[in-house]
Amino acid sequence: MSWNTMIDGYMKNGKVDDAVKLFEQMPQRDAVSWTILIGGFVKKDLGTLGLGLWINQFIMKQDFRDNIRISNSLIDMYSRCGCIGFGE
């Protein structure tokens, strides 16, 4: 079973802490990993503005800056927080 599948399963079953711990242990995170994590926070209504800003800042420093899936996930999270302007 893959890391991403495990993280997705944890998020879908409300085990957010376990999902984050596993994410932090991953030897290499890719666009799918980030999308699953962000999407899980959004679906669980945990897409707080502070988390979104931190993730956005981290992603801008990585190679995922131009990834459409990650960008869309961040925009979705910002819109749910009522701060769509941060998604620009």
N, C-alpha and C. Protein backbone atom coordinates (compact mmCIF):
# COMPACT_ATOMS: atom_id res chain seq x y z
N MET A 1 0.85 -1.17 0.00
CA MET A 1 0.00 0.00 0.00
C MET A 1 0.90 1.24 0.00
N SER A 2 0.49 2.27 -0.74
CA SER A 2 1.34 3.45 -0.86
C SER A 2 1.11 4.43 0.29
N TRP A 3 2.08 5.31 0.46
CA TRP A 3 1.98 6.36 1.47
C TRP A 3 0.72 7.20 1.24
N ASN A 4 0.51 7.59 -0.02
CA ASN A 4 -0.63 8.45 -0.35
C ASN A 4 -1.96 7.77 -0.03
N THR A 5 -2.05 6.48 -0.30
CA THR A 5 -3.28 5.74 0.00
C THR A 5 -3.55 5.72 1.50
N MET A 6 -2.49 5.52 2.27
CA MET A 6 -2.63 5.50 3.73
C MET A 6 -3.06 6.87 4.26
N ILE A 7 -2.44 7.92 3.76
CA ILE A 7 -2.80 9.28 4.20
C ILE A 7 -4.25 9.58 3.84
N ASP A 8 -4.65 9.23 2.63
CA ASP A 8 -6.03 9.46 2.20
C ASP A 8 -7.00 8.68 3.09
N GLY A 9 -6.67 7.44 3.42
CA GLY A 9 -7.52 6.64 4.29
C GLY A 9 -7.65 7.24 5.68
N TYR A 10 -6.54 7.69 6.23
CA TYR A 10 -6.58 8.34 7.55
C TYR A 10 -7.48 9.58 7.51
N MET A 11 -7.31 10.41 6.48
CA MET A 11 -8.11 11.63 6.39
C MET A 11 -9.60 11.31 6.25
N LYS A 12 -9.93 10.33 5.42
CA LYS A 12 -11.33 9.97 5.20
C LYS A 12 -11.98 9.39 6.45
N ASN A 13 -11.16 8.83 7.35
CA ASN A 13 -11.69 8.24 8.58
C ASN A 13 -11.52 9.16 9.79
N GLY A 14 -11.20 10.42 9.54
CA GLY A 14 -11.12 11.41 10.62
C GLY A 14 -9.87 11.32 11.47
N LYS A 15 -8.88 10.58 11.04
CA LYS A 15 -7.63 10.44 11.80
C LYS A 15 -6.59 11.42 11.24
N VAL A 16 -6.90 12.68 11.40
CA VAL A 16 -6.08 13.75 10.83
C VAL A 16 -4.67 13.74 11.41
N ASP A 17 -4.55 13.57 12.72
CA ASP A 17 -3.22 13.55 13.34
C ASP A 17 -2.36 12.43 12.77
N ASP A 18 -2.95 11.26 12.58
CA ASP A 18 -2.20 10.14 12.00
C ASP A 18 -1.79 10.43 10.57
N ALA A 19 -2.69 11.08 9.82
CA ALA A 19 -2.38 11.43 8.43
C ALA A 19 -1.21 12.41 8.37
N VAL A 20 -1.22 13.40 9.23
CA VAL A 20 -0.14 14.40 9.24
C VAL A 20 1.18 13.77 9.67
N LYS A 21 1.13 12.90 10.67
CA LYS A 21 2.36 12.22 11.11
C LYS A 21 2.95 11.39 9.99
N LEU A 22 2.10 10.65 9.28
CA LEU A 22 2.58 9.83 8.17
C LEU A 22 3.13 10.70 7.06
N PHE A 23 2.45 11.82 6.78
CA PHE A 23 2.91 12.76 5.76
C PHE A 23 4.31 13.27 6.11
N GLU A 24 4.52 13.60 7.37
CA GLU A 24 5.82 14.11 7.81
C GLU A 24 6.91 13.06 7.71
N GLN A 25 6.55 11.78 7.79
CA GLN A 25 7.53 10.69 7.71
C GLN A 25 7.87 10.30 6.28
N MET A 26 7.08 10.76 5.32
CA MET A 26 7.31 10.37 3.92
C MET A 26 8.71 10.77 3.49
N PRO A 27 9.41 9.85 2.83
CA PRO A 27 10.76 10.20 2.36
C PRO A 27 10.72 11.24 1.24
N GLN A 28 9.64 11.22 0.44
CA GLN A 28 9.52 12.19 -0.64
C GLN A 28 8.04 12.48 -0.87
N ARG A 29 7.70 13.77 -0.85
CA ARG A 29 6.32 14.19 -1.07
C ARG A 29 6.18 14.72 -2.49
N ASP A 30 5.11 14.30 -3.16
CA ASP A 30 4.88 14.79 -4.52
C ASP A 30 3.57 15.57 -4.57
N ALA A 31 3.18 15.95 -5.76
CA ALA A 31 1.96 16.76 -5.92
C ALA A 31 0.73 16.01 -5.42
N VAL A 32 0.69 14.70 -5.63
CA VAL A 32 -0.44 13.90 -5.16
C VAL A 32 -0.51 13.93 -3.64
N SER A 33 0.63 13.82 -2.99
CA SER A 33 0.68 13.85 -1.52
C SER A 33 0.12 15.15 -0.98
N TRP A 34 0.55 16.26 -1.55
CA TRP A 34 0.08 17.57 -1.11
C TRP A 34 -1.41 17.73 -1.37
N THR A 35 -1.86 17.28 -2.53
CA THR A 35 -3.28 17.41 -2.89
C THR A 35 -4.15 16.61 -1.94
N ILE A 36 -3.73 15.41 -1.60
CA ILE A 36 -4.49 14.57 -0.66
C ILE A 36 -4.56 15.25 0.70
N LEU A 37 -3.44 15.75 1.18
CA LEU A 37 -3.42 16.39 2.50
C LEU A 37 -4.29 17.65 2.52
N ILE A 38 -4.12 18.52 1.56
CA ILE A 38 -4.91 19.75 1.51
C ILE A 38 -6.39 19.42 1.36
N GLY A 39 -6.69 18.51 0.44
CA GLY A 39 -8.08 18.12 0.22
C GLY A 39 -8.71 17.53 1.47
N GLY A 40 -7.94 16.76 2.22
CA GLY A 40 -8.44 16.19 3.46
C GLY A 40 -8.78 17.25 4.49
N PHE A 41 -7.93 18.26 4.60
CA PHE A 41 -8.22 19.36 5.53
C PHE A 41 -9.48 20.10 5.11
N VAL A 42 -9.63 20.33 3.81
CA VAL A 42 -10.80 21.05 3.31
C VAL A 42 -12.07 20.26 3.60
N LYS A 43 -12.04 18.98 3.31
CA LYS A 43 -13.24 18.14 3.51
C LYS A 43 -13.61 18.01 4.97
N LYS A 44 -12.65 18.07 5.84
CA LYS A 44 -12.91 17.95 7.28
C LYS A 44 -13.14 19.32 7.91
N ASP A 45 -13.29 20.36 7.08
CA ASP A 45 -13.47 21.73 7.56
C ASP A 45 -12.34 22.16 8.48
N LEU A 46 -11.14 21.67 8.17
CA LEU A 46 -9.97 22.08 8.95
C LEU A 46 -9.10 23.02 8.13
N GLY A 47 -9.64 23.53 7.03
CA GLY A 47 -8.89 24.41 6.14
C GLY A 47 -8.79 25.81 6.70
N THR A 48 -8.16 25.94 7.83
CA THR A 48 -8.05 27.25 8.45
C THR A 48 -7.11 28.14 7.66
N LEU A 49 -7.31 29.40 7.80
CA LEU A 49 -6.51 30.36 7.05
C LEU A 49 -5.03 30.24 7.39
N GLY A 50 -4.70 30.06 8.65
CA GLY A 50 -3.29 29.93 9.03
C GLY A 50 -2.61 28.75 8.38
N LEU A 51 -3.31 27.63 8.34
CA LEU A 51 -2.76 26.44 7.70
C LEU A 51 -2.59 26.69 6.21
N GLY A 52 -3.58 27.31 5.59
CA GLY A 52 -3.51 27.60 4.17
C GLY A 52 -2.34 28.51 3.82
N LEU A 53 -2.14 29.51 4.63
CA LEU A 53 -1.01 30.42 4.39
C LEU A 53 0.33 29.72 4.55
N TRP A 54 0.43 28.86 5.56
CA TRP A 54 1.67 28.11 5.77
C TRP A 54 1.95 27.18 4.61
N ILE A 55 0.92 26.42 4.17
CA ILE A 55 1.10 25.50 3.06
C ILE A 55 1.45 26.27 1.79
N ASN A 56 0.76 27.37 1.55
CA ASN A 56 1.03 28.17 0.36
C ASN A 56 2.47 28.66 0.35
N GLN A 57 2.93 29.15 1.47
CA GLN A 57 4.31 29.64 1.56
C GLN A 57 5.31 28.52 1.33
N PHE A 58 5.05 27.35 1.90
CA PHE A 58 5.94 26.21 1.73
C PHE A 58 6.00 25.78 0.26
N ILE A 59 4.84 25.70 -0.36
CA ILE A 59 4.77 25.25 -1.75
C ILE A 59 5.48 26.22 -2.68
N MET A 60 5.40 27.50 -2.42
CA MET A 60 6.08 28.48 -3.26
C MET A 60 7.60 28.30 -3.23
N LYS A 61 8.11 27.70 -2.16
CA LYS A 61 9.54 27.46 -2.05
C LYS A 61 9.95 26.13 -2.68
N GLN A 62 8.98 25.31 -3.06
CA GLN A 62 9.24 23.99 -3.61
C GLN A 62 9.02 24.00 -5.12
N ASP A 63 9.11 22.82 -5.71
CA ASP A 63 8.92 22.67 -7.15
C ASP A 63 7.46 22.55 -7.56
N PHE A 64 6.53 22.76 -6.62
CA PHE A 64 5.12 22.58 -6.91
C PHE A 64 4.41 23.89 -7.25
N ARG A 65 5.14 24.94 -7.39
CA ARG A 65 4.58 26.28 -7.62
C ARG A 65 3.61 26.33 -8.80
N ASP A 66 3.91 25.62 -9.87
CA ASP A 66 3.09 25.67 -11.08
C ASP A 66 2.16 24.47 -11.23
N ASN A 67 1.97 23.71 -10.17
CA ASN A 67 1.12 22.53 -10.25
C ASN A 67 -0.35 22.93 -10.11
N ILE A 68 -1.13 22.67 -11.14
CA ILE A 68 -2.53 23.08 -11.18
C ILE A 68 -3.36 22.42 -10.09
N ARG A 69 -3.15 21.14 -9.83
CA ARG A 69 -3.94 20.44 -8.82
C ARG A 69 -3.72 21.04 -7.43
N ILE A 70 -2.48 21.32 -7.11
CA ILE A 70 -2.18 21.91 -5.80
C ILE A 70 -2.75 23.33 -5.72
N SER A 71 -2.58 24.09 -6.79
CA SER A 71 -3.12 25.46 -6.81
C SER A 71 -4.63 25.45 -6.63
N ASN A 72 -5.31 24.55 -7.32
CA ASN A 72 -6.77 24.46 -7.18
C ASN A 72 -7.18 24.06 -5.77
N SER A 73 -6.43 23.17 -5.16
CA SER A 73 -6.73 22.77 -3.78
C SER A 73 -6.58 23.95 -2.82
N LEU A 74 -5.55 24.74 -3.02
CA LEU A 74 -5.34 25.91 -2.17
C LEU A 74 -6.46 26.94 -2.38
N ILE A 75 -6.84 27.16 -3.62
CA ILE A 75 -7.92 28.11 -3.90
C ILE A 75 -9.21 27.63 -3.25
N ASP A 76 -9.49 26.34 -3.34
CA ASP A 76 -10.68 25.78 -2.70
C ASP A 76 -10.64 26.00 -1.20
N MET A 77 -9.49 25.78 -0.59
CA MET A 77 -9.36 25.97 0.85
C MET A 77 -9.58 27.44 1.23
N TYR A 78 -8.97 28.36 0.47
CA TYR A 78 -9.15 29.78 0.75
C TYR A 78 -10.61 30.20 0.59
N SER A 79 -11.28 29.66 -0.42
CA SER A 79 -12.68 30.04 -0.62
C SER A 79 -13.54 29.55 0.53
N ARG A 80 -13.24 28.40 1.07
CA ARG A 80 -14.00 27.89 2.21
C ARG A 80 -13.73 28.68 3.48
N CYS A 81 -12.58 29.33 3.53
CA CYS A 81 -12.25 30.17 4.68
C CYS A 81 -12.82 31.58 4.50
N GLY A 82 -13.36 31.85 3.32
CA GLY A 82 -13.89 33.18 3.05
C GLY A 82 -12.83 34.18 2.68
N CYS A 83 -11.68 33.70 2.25
CA CYS A 83 -10.55 34.58 1.91
C CYS A 83 -10.02 34.26 0.51
N ILE A 84 -10.89 34.27 -0.46
CA ILE A 84 -10.52 33.88 -1.81
C ILE A 84 -9.41 34.77 -2.37
N GLY A 85 -9.29 35.99 -1.89
CA GLY A 85 -8.24 36.88 -2.35
C GLY A 85 -6.84 36.36 -2.10
N PHE A 86 -6.68 35.52 -1.08
CA PHE A 86 -5.36 34.95 -0.81
C PHE A 86 -4.98 33.90 -1.85
N GLY A 87 -5.93 33.42 -2.61
CA GLY A 87 -5.66 32.41 -3.61
C GLY A 87 -5.05 32.95 -4.90
N GLU A 88 -4.87 34.24 -4.98
CA GLU A 88 -4.32 34.84 -6.21
C GLU A 88 -2.83 34.63 -6.32
